[in-house]
């Protein structure tokens, strides 16, 4: 089941990235980036709620569905638009410095978040947070400059 879900997710991501090329023409890069990031934030909170409410088959299906939707919506909006916005942020002479500084800040923030997420999911105290970590984990890769 997990392999099939991963295969379906990859195929949908490819299609939605291609769809984003056409949507960018009509809606603009910034609005797609901002609305897509806001939608992903809301869906990640819903994923955390679905994971913390209870167990069972329905909760597992809700988590899988929300995870698929979050992944696909990210490739529809914020992911492709973020690389275009980098080119618009500064003057040509400052662009390499701006991009380099942004990437450095991204790596500085990303490494502690990866460590914190792994500690939250595989806690030494025996409490596994799994889906509850959606509440405490800020995904810096979705907010890169």
C-alpha atoms as a PDB file:
ATOM      1  CA  UNK A   1       0.000   0.000   0.000  1.00  0.00           C
ATOM      2  CA  UNK A   2       2.816   2.420   0.875  1.00  0.00           C
ATOM      3  CA  UNK A   3       4.614   1.788  -2.421  1.00  0.00           C
ATOM      4  CA  UNK A   4       1.424   2.391  -4.407  1.00  0.00           C
ATOM      5  CA  UNK A   5       0.728   5.583  -2.475  1.00  0.00           C
ATOM      6  CA  UNK A   6       4.276   6.826  -3.118  1.00  0.00           C
ATOM      7  CA  UNK A   7       3.987   6.024  -6.813  1.00  0.00           C
ATOM      8  CA  UNK A   8       0.655   7.815  -7.086  1.00  0.00           C
ATOM      9  CA  UNK A   9       2.060  10.803  -5.203  1.00  0.00           C
ATOM     10  CA  UNK A  10       5.067  11.071  -7.535  1.00  0.00           C
ATOM     11  CA  UNK A  11       2.878  10.862 -10.636  1.00  0.00           C
ATOM     12  CA  UNK A  12       0.489  13.502  -9.309  1.00  0.00           C
ATOM     13  CA  UNK A  13       3.386  15.772  -8.358  1.00  0.00           C
ATOM     14  CA  UNK A  14       4.738  15.602 -11.892  1.00  0.00           C
ATOM     15  CA  UNK A  15       1.346  16.454 -13.368  1.00  0.00           C
ATOM     16  CA  UNK A  16       0.748  19.289 -10.914  1.00  0.00           C
ATOM     17  CA  UNK A  17       4.156  20.868 -11.565  1.00  0.00           C
ATOM     18  CA  UNK A  18       3.274  20.952 -15.259  1.00  0.00           C
ATOM     19  CA  UNK A  19      -0.134  22.389 -14.387  1.00  0.00           C
ATOM     20  CA  UNK A  20       1.547  25.094 -12.331  1.00  0.00           C
ATOM     21  CA  UNK A  21       3.275  26.385 -15.464  1.00  0.00           C
ATOM     22  CA  UNK A  22      -0.097  27.320 -16.919  1.00  0.00           C
ATOM     23  CA  UNK A  23      -1.597  28.586 -13.665  1.00  0.00           C
ATOM     24  CA  UNK A  24       1.328  30.951 -13.158  1.00  0.00           C
ATOM     25  CA  UNK A  25       0.348  32.769 -16.338  1.00  0.00           C
ATOM     26  CA  UNK A  26      -3.170  33.463 -15.080  1.00  0.00           C
ATOM     27  CA  UNK A  27      -2.740  34.028 -11.349  1.00  0.00           C
ATOM     28  CA  UNK A  28       0.832  35.253 -10.945  1.00  0.00           C
ATOM     29  CA  UNK A  29       3.732  33.793  -9.029  1.00  0.00           C
ATOM     30  CA  UNK A  30       3.373  35.660  -5.762  1.00  0.00           C
ATOM     31  CA  UNK A  31      -0.311  34.957  -5.274  1.00  0.00           C
ATOM     32  CA  UNK A  32       0.196  31.264  -6.063  1.00  0.00           C
ATOM     33  CA  UNK A  33       3.107  31.109  -3.624  1.00  0.00           C
ATOM     34  CA  UNK A  34       1.286  32.864  -0.787  1.00  0.00           C
ATOM     35  CA  UNK A  35      -2.074  31.124  -1.187  1.00  0.00           C
ATOM     36  CA  UNK A  36      -0.398  27.751  -1.675  1.00  0.00           C
ATOM     37  CA  UNK A  37       1.693  28.205   1.464  1.00  0.00           C
ATOM     38  CA  UNK A  38      -1.384  29.250   3.445  1.00  0.00           C
ATOM     39  CA  UNK A  39      -3.342  26.234   2.173  1.00  0.00           C
ATOM     40  CA  UNK A  40      -0.477  23.888   3.082  1.00  0.00           C
ATOM     41  CA  UNK A  41      -0.304  25.364   6.584  1.00  0.00           C
ATOM     42  CA  UNK A  42      -4.023  24.777   7.114  1.00  0.00           C
ATOM     43  CA  UNK A  43      -3.780  21.241   5.751  1.00  0.00           C
ATOM     44  CA  UNK A  44      -0.772  20.435   7.961  1.00  0.00           C
ATOM     45  CA  UNK A  45      -2.757  21.546  10.997  1.00  0.00           C
ATOM     46  CA  UNK A  46      -5.641  19.336   9.826  1.00  0.00           C
ATOM     47  CA  UNK A  47      -3.180  16.458   9.441  1.00  0.00           C
ATOM     48  CA  UNK A  48      -1.989  16.992  12.996  1.00  0.00           C
ATOM     49  CA  UNK A  49      -5.569  17.029  14.254  1.00  0.00           C
ATOM     50  CA  UNK A  50      -6.391  13.851  12.319  1.00  0.00           C
ATOM     51  CA  UNK A  51      -3.376  12.133  13.833  1.00  0.00           C
ATOM     52  CA  UNK A  52      -4.051  13.214  17.386  1.00  0.00           C
ATOM     53  CA  UNK A  53      -7.806  12.625  17.535  1.00  0.00           C
ATOM     54  CA  UNK A  54      -7.712   8.867  17.545  1.00  0.00           C
ATOM     55  CA  UNK A  55      -6.580   5.692  15.932  1.00  0.00           C
ATOM     56  CA  UNK A  56      -8.253   3.245  13.672  1.00  0.00           C
ATOM     57  CA  UNK A  57      -8.640   2.744   9.985  1.00  0.00           C
ATOM     58  CA  UNK A  58     -10.532   5.996   9.364  1.00  0.00           C
ATOM     59  CA  UNK A  59      -7.845   8.099  11.042  1.00  0.00           C
ATOM     60  CA  UNK A  60      -5.117   6.330   9.074  1.00  0.00           C
ATOM     61  CA  UNK A  61      -6.938   6.924   5.785  1.00  0.00           C
ATOM     62  CA  UNK A  62      -7.493  10.584   6.690  1.00  0.00           C
ATOM     63  CA  UNK A  63      -3.793  11.009   7.451  1.00  0.00           C
ATOM     64  CA  UNK A  64      -2.754   9.336   4.204  1.00  0.00           C
ATOM     65  CA  UNK A  65      -5.208  11.429   2.204  1.00  0.00           C
ATOM     66  CA  UNK A  66      -4.149  14.686   3.829  1.00  0.00           C
ATOM     67  CA  UNK A  67      -0.476  13.812   3.353  1.00  0.00           C
ATOM     68  CA  UNK A  68      -1.099  13.200  -0.342  1.00  0.00           C
ATOM     69  CA  UNK A  69      -3.029  16.452  -0.693  1.00  0.00           C
ATOM     70  CA  UNK A  70      -0.326  18.468   1.118  1.00  0.00           C
ATOM     71  CA  UNK A  71       2.402  16.994  -1.056  1.00  0.00           C
ATOM     72  CA  UNK A  72       0.535  17.553  -4.302  1.00  0.00           C
ATOM     73  CA  UNK A  73      -0.597  21.087  -3.440  1.00  0.00           C
ATOM     74  CA  UNK A  74       2.970  22.000  -2.534  1.00  0.00           C
ATOM     75  CA  UNK A  75       4.116  20.992  -6.010  1.00  0.00           C
ATOM     76  CA  UNK A  76       1.242  22.930  -7.550  1.00  0.00           C
ATOM     77  CA  UNK A  77       1.993  26.250  -5.919  1.00  0.00           C
ATOM     78  CA  UNK A  78       4.856  27.121  -3.596  1.00  0.00           C
ATOM     79  CA  UNK A  79       7.527  24.752  -4.919  1.00  0.00           C
ATOM     80  CA  UNK A  80       7.784  25.972  -8.532  1.00  0.00           C
ATOM     81  CA  UNK A  81       7.036  29.583  -7.635  1.00  0.00           C
ATOM     82  CA  UNK A  82       9.755  29.774  -4.980  1.00  0.00           C
ATOM     83  CA  UNK A  83      12.529  29.354  -7.532  1.00  0.00           C
ATOM     84  CA  UNK A  84      11.155  32.144  -9.694  1.00  0.00           C
ATOM     85  CA  UNK A  85      10.738  34.529  -6.778  1.00  0.00           C
ATOM     86  CA  UNK A  86      14.438  34.158  -5.931  1.00  0.00           C
ATOM     87  CA  UNK A  87      15.317  35.773  -9.249  1.00  0.00           C
ATOM     88  CA  UNK A  88      13.050  38.734  -8.525  1.00  0.00           C
ATOM     89  CA  UNK A  89      14.259  39.546  -5.036  1.00  0.00           C
ATOM     90  CA  UNK A  90      17.226  41.760  -5.746  1.00  0.00           C
ATOM     91  CA  UNK A  91      19.295  43.544  -8.330  1.00  0.00           C
ATOM     92  CA  UNK A  92      21.481  41.511 -10.641  1.00  0.00           C
ATOM     93  CA  UNK A  93      24.687  42.323  -8.776  1.00  0.00           C
ATOM     94  CA  UNK A  94      23.185  41.438  -5.402  1.00  0.00           C
ATOM     95  CA  UNK A  95      21.337  38.302  -6.510  1.00  0.00           C
ATOM     96  CA  UNK A  96      24.157  35.815  -5.759  1.00  0.00           C
ATOM     97  CA  UNK A  97      24.658  37.333  -2.303  1.00  0.00           C
ATOM     98  CA  UNK A  98      20.929  37.319  -1.577  1.00  0.00           C
ATOM     99  CA  UNK A  99      20.504  33.750  -2.770  1.00  0.00           C
ATOM    100  CA  UNK A 100      23.589  32.588  -0.879  1.00  0.00           C
ATOM    101  CA  UNK A 101      22.438  34.278   2.322  1.00  0.00           C
ATOM    102  CA  UNK A 102      18.972  32.780   1.946  1.00  0.00           C
ATOM    103  CA  UNK A 103      20.358  29.292   1.439  1.00  0.00           C
ATOM    104  CA  UNK A 104      22.710  29.693   4.419  1.00  0.00           C
ATOM    105  CA  UNK A 105      19.824  30.743   6.660  1.00  0.00           C
ATOM    106  CA  UNK A 106      17.774  27.843   5.310  1.00  0.00           C
ATOM    107  CA  UNK A 107      20.497  25.347   6.264  1.00  0.00           C
ATOM    108  CA  UNK A 108      21.019  26.932   9.676  1.00  0.00           C
ATOM    109  CA  UNK A 109      17.286  26.592  10.408  1.00  0.00           C
ATOM    110  CA  UNK A 110      16.817  23.201   8.702  1.00  0.00           C
ATOM    111  CA  UNK A 111      19.357  21.151  10.668  1.00  0.00           C
ATOM    112  CA  UNK A 112      17.933  21.880  14.135  1.00  0.00           C
ATOM    113  CA  UNK A 113      14.422  21.276  12.781  1.00  0.00           C
ATOM    114  CA  UNK A 114      15.428  17.877  11.414  1.00  0.00           C
ATOM    115  CA  UNK A 115      16.952  16.979  14.774  1.00  0.00           C
ATOM    116  CA  UNK A 116      13.899  18.249  16.659  1.00  0.00           C
ATOM    117  CA  UNK A 117      11.538  16.315  14.397  1.00  0.00           C
ATOM    118  CA  UNK A 118      13.473  13.073  14.820  1.00  0.00           C
ATOM    119  CA  UNK A 119      13.466  13.564  18.598  1.00  0.00           C
ATOM    120  CA  UNK A 120       9.725  14.258  18.545  1.00  0.00           C
ATOM    121  CA  UNK A 121       8.906  11.170  16.515  1.00  0.00           C
ATOM    122  CA  UNK A 122      11.372   8.784  18.207  1.00  0.00           C
ATOM    123  CA  UNK A 123      11.417  10.088  21.737  1.00  0.00           C
ATOM    124  CA  UNK A 124      13.656   8.436  24.316  1.00  0.00           C
ATOM    125  CA  UNK A 125      10.835   8.838  26.814  1.00  0.00           C
ATOM    126  CA  UNK A 126       8.730   6.356  24.885  1.00  0.00           C
ATOM    127  CA  UNK A 127       6.123   8.832  23.653  1.00  0.00           C
ATOM    128  CA  UNK A 128       5.972   8.827  19.885  1.00  0.00           C
ATOM    129  CA  UNK A 129       4.312  11.913  18.486  1.00  0.00           C
ATOM    130  CA  UNK A 130       4.134  10.860  14.793  1.00  0.00           C
ATOM    131  CA  UNK A 131       1.302  12.981  13.370  1.00  0.00           C
ATOM    132  CA  UNK A 132       1.235  15.220  16.415  1.00  0.00           C
ATOM    133  CA  UNK A 133       4.618  16.528  15.284  1.00  0.00           C
ATOM    134  CA  UNK A 134       2.752  18.514  12.615  1.00  0.00           C
ATOM    135  CA  UNK A 135       1.907  20.912  15.446  1.00  0.00           C
ATOM    136  CA  UNK A 136       5.474  21.477  16.604  1.00  0.00           C
ATOM    137  CA  UNK A 137       7.450  21.111  13.390  1.00  0.00           C
ATOM    138  CA  UNK A 138       7.906  24.165  11.226  1.00  0.00           C
ATOM    139  CA  UNK A 139       8.853  23.013   7.742  1.00  0.00           C
ATOM    140  CA  UNK A 140      11.506  25.541   6.670  1.00  0.00           C
ATOM    141  CA  UNK A 141      11.775  24.051   3.196  1.00  0.00           C
ATOM    142  CA  UNK A 142       8.279  25.368   2.487  1.00  0.00           C
ATOM    143  CA  UNK A 143       9.281  28.890   3.458  1.00  0.00           C
ATOM    144  CA  UNK A 144      12.678  29.250   1.831  1.00  0.00           C
ATOM    145  CA  UNK A 145      13.564  32.705   0.525  1.00  0.00           C
END
